[in-house]
Amino acid sequence: MADYSFVTRWRFRSPLAPVWDLIYNSERWPEWWRGVERVEKIEAGDAEGIGSVHRYTWKSKLPYRLAFDMRLTRVEPMSFIEGEAIGELTGSGRWRLVQEGEFTNVRYDWNVATTKPWMNLLAPVARPVFKWNHDVVMGWGAEDLSKKLGVEMLPVEEN
């Protein structure tokens, strides 16, 4: 397996609630995020969705689809979502949302390993391409969320 760690940061001129709503309700991602082809609920969870499993099918600039399941493991309403990836990718994803005045800051940490033999075989040379592809898809997410909400997407100040 090849391990990857990605950090994505988004910043919007928006209250927190609508940004949270669109990110938390991932079954609606295909309606607005061009990189998400399909989201299927596999298992229901509790009232907050803890324990639920969704299958995500992603498309990208590269000529392949990536599908994996995510089990929701933790939710802190309006601030934190965490899940465990199973399938073509294994690992964890964590969304953190923070309101800062008139802005909402979003951070996504994606720590995964590939399980597809061809991806593992190509990892030593393809790692920069996989990172570029991840950044493209997450960039689409930021642009598309901004459009969906009708709010300004702003550059993120690096810490």
Protein backbone atom coordinates (compact mmCIF):
# COMPACT_ATOMS: atom_id res chain seq x y z
CA MET A 1 0.00 0.00 0.00
CA ALA A 2 1.06 3.59 -0.63
CA ASP A 3 0.25 6.19 2.04
CA TYR A 4 -0.92 9.71 1.29
CA SER A 5 -1.66 12.72 3.51
CA PHE A 6 -3.43 15.72 2.03
CA VAL A 7 -4.57 18.94 3.68
CA THR A 8 -7.15 21.11 1.93
CA ARG A 9 -8.20 24.56 3.12
CA TRP A 10 -11.17 26.57 1.90
CA ARG A 11 -12.35 30.03 2.99
CA PHE A 12 -15.71 31.58 2.16
CA ARG A 13 -17.39 34.88 2.86
CA SER A 14 -20.34 33.07 4.38
CA PRO A 15 -21.94 32.22 7.69
CA LEU A 16 -21.01 28.77 8.97
CA ALA A 17 -24.47 27.14 8.85
CA PRO A 18 -24.97 26.91 5.06
CA VAL A 19 -21.39 25.71 4.51
CA TRP A 20 -21.86 23.07 7.22
CA ASP A 21 -25.16 21.97 5.69
CA LEU A 22 -23.67 21.34 2.25
CA ILE A 23 -20.59 19.51 3.57
CA TYR A 24 -22.39 17.45 6.21
CA ASN A 25 -25.14 16.28 3.81
CA SER A 26 -22.78 14.42 1.52
CA GLU A 27 -25.58 12.57 -0.27
CA ARG A 28 -26.24 15.92 -1.99
CA TRP A 29 -22.63 16.43 -3.14
CA PRO A 30 -23.30 15.17 -6.71
CA GLU A 31 -25.83 18.02 -7.09
CA TRP A 32 -23.11 20.66 -6.77
CA TRP A 33 -19.59 19.10 -6.68
CA ARG A 34 -18.48 18.15 -10.19
CA GLY A 35 -15.88 15.66 -8.87
CA VAL A 36 -18.49 13.55 -7.09
CA GLU A 37 -20.26 11.25 -9.50
CA ARG A 38 -22.38 9.31 -7.02
CA VAL A 39 -23.04 8.92 -3.28
CA GLU A 40 -25.03 5.89 -2.13
CA LYS A 41 -26.17 5.20 1.41
CA ILE A 42 -25.11 1.64 2.29
CA GLU A 43 -25.99 1.60 6.01
CA ALA A 44 -27.98 4.00 8.18
CA GLY A 45 -26.45 5.31 11.37
CA ASP A 46 -27.86 6.93 14.47
CA ALA A 47 -29.70 10.28 14.54
CA GLU A 48 -26.48 12.20 13.77
CA GLY A 49 -25.44 9.62 11.21
CA ILE A 50 -22.73 8.03 13.37
CA GLY A 51 -22.05 4.54 12.05
CA SER A 52 -23.62 5.27 8.66
CA VAL A 53 -21.77 4.09 5.58
CA HIS A 54 -21.84 5.83 2.21
CA ARG A 55 -20.19 4.71 -1.02
CA TYR A 56 -18.55 7.59 -2.89
CA THR A 57 -17.65 7.44 -6.57
CA TRP A 58 -15.27 10.22 -7.64
CA LYS A 59 -14.24 11.35 -11.10
CA SER A 60 -11.29 13.58 -11.85
CA LYS A 61 -8.99 14.94 -14.51
CA LEU A 62 -7.31 11.54 -14.72
CA PRO A 63 -9.01 8.79 -16.76
CA TYR A 64 -10.23 6.66 -13.88
CA ARG A 65 -12.99 6.52 -11.29
CA LEU A 66 -12.28 5.97 -7.61
CA ALA A 67 -14.87 4.37 -5.33
CA PHE A 68 -14.68 3.73 -1.61
CA ASP A 69 -16.95 3.54 1.42
CA MET A 70 -16.85 6.00 4.32
CA ARG A 71 -18.14 5.12 7.78
CA LEU A 72 -19.05 8.21 9.79
CA THR A 73 -17.26 7.89 13.14
CA ARG A 74 -17.66 11.29 14.79
CA VAL A 75 -19.72 14.46 14.44
CA GLU A 76 -19.56 17.67 16.44
CA PRO A 77 -22.39 19.72 14.92
CA MET A 78 -21.29 22.85 13.11
CA SER A 79 -17.58 22.12 13.63
CA PHE A 80 -16.25 18.60 12.99
CA ILE A 81 -16.95 15.50 10.87
CA GLU A 82 -14.77 12.41 10.84
CA GLY A 83 -14.99 9.21 8.85
CA GLU A 84 -13.12 6.02 8.09
CA ALA A 85 -12.46 5.03 4.46
CA ILE A 86 -12.75 1.40 3.39
CA GLY A 87 -12.24 -0.02 -0.10
CA GLU A 88 -10.03 1.32 -2.90
CA LEU A 89 -8.72 3.75 -0.27
CA THR A 90 -8.37 3.05 3.44
CA GLY A 91 -7.74 5.61 6.14
CA SER A 92 -9.49 8.64 7.59
CA GLY A 93 -10.97 11.97 6.57
CA ARG A 94 -11.66 14.91 8.90
CA TRP A 95 -13.59 18.08 8.14
CA ARG A 96 -13.13 21.06 10.50
CA LEU A 97 -15.25 24.18 10.08
CA VAL A 98 -14.74 27.43 11.98
CA GLN A 99 -16.59 30.73 11.77
CA GLU A 100 -14.27 33.73 11.92
CA GLY A 101 -16.27 36.95 11.72
CA GLU A 102 -18.02 37.01 8.35
CA PHE A 103 -15.90 34.11 7.06
CA THR A 104 -16.11 30.35 7.32
CA ASN A 105 -12.83 28.44 7.24
CA VAL A 106 -12.84 24.79 6.21
CA ARG A 107 -10.00 22.33 6.62
CA TYR A 108 -10.04 18.78 5.30
CA ASP A 109 -7.39 16.26 6.36
CA TRP A 110 -7.29 13.14 4.20
CA ASN A 111 -4.90 10.41 5.38
CA VAL A 112 -5.28 7.32 3.23
CA ALA A 113 -3.54 4.37 1.65
CA THR A 114 -4.30 3.00 -1.81
CA THR A 115 -5.37 -0.62 -2.11
CA LYS A 116 -5.52 -0.97 -5.92
CA PRO A 117 -2.44 -2.89 -7.12
CA TRP A 118 -1.88 -0.57 -10.12
CA MET A 119 -1.93 2.52 -7.88
CA ASN A 120 0.54 0.94 -5.46
CA LEU A 121 2.79 -0.12 -8.31
CA LEU A 122 2.81 3.37 -9.80
CA ALA A 123 3.05 5.23 -6.47
CA PRO A 124 6.79 5.92 -6.58
CA VAL A 125 6.48 7.84 -9.86
CA ALA A 126 2.80 8.82 -9.84
CA ARG A 127 2.65 10.32 -6.32
CA PRO A 128 2.93 13.94 -7.64
CA VAL A 129 0.21 13.23 -10.21
CA PHE A 130 -2.11 11.76 -7.55
CA LYS A 131 -1.51 14.84 -5.36
CA TRP A 132 -2.20 17.17 -8.29
CA ASN A 133 -5.38 15.24 -9.08
CA HIS A 134 -6.56 15.40 -5.45
CA ASP A 135 -5.92 19.15 -5.42
CA VAL A 136 -7.91 19.60 -8.66
CA VAL A 137 -10.92 17.70 -7.30
CA MET A 138 -10.84 19.58 -3.99
CA GLY A 139 -10.46 22.86 -5.90
CA TRP A 140 -13.61 21.99 -7.82
CA GLY A 141 -15.32 21.41 -4.47
CA ALA A 142 -14.38 24.87 -3.23
CA GLU A 143 -15.43 26.57 -6.47
CA ASP A 144 -18.67 24.62 -6.71
CA LEU A 145 -19.63 25.17 -3.06
CA SER A 146 -18.97 28.88 -3.51
CA LYS A 147 -21.24 28.94 -6.59
CA LYS A 148 -23.94 26.86 -4.91
CA LEU A 149 -24.06 29.28 -1.97
CA GLY A 150 -23.58 32.37 -4.12
CA VAL A 151 -20.72 33.53 -1.89
CA GLU A 152 -17.16 34.64 -2.46
CA MET A 153 -14.38 32.08 -2.16
CA LEU A 154 -11.27 33.68 -0.70
CA PRO A 155 -7.59 32.76 -0.67
CA VAL A 156 -6.53 30.92 2.46
CA GLU A 157 -3.85 32.51 4.58
CA GLU A 158 -1.21 29.87 5.29
CA ASN A 159 -0.19 29.51 8.92
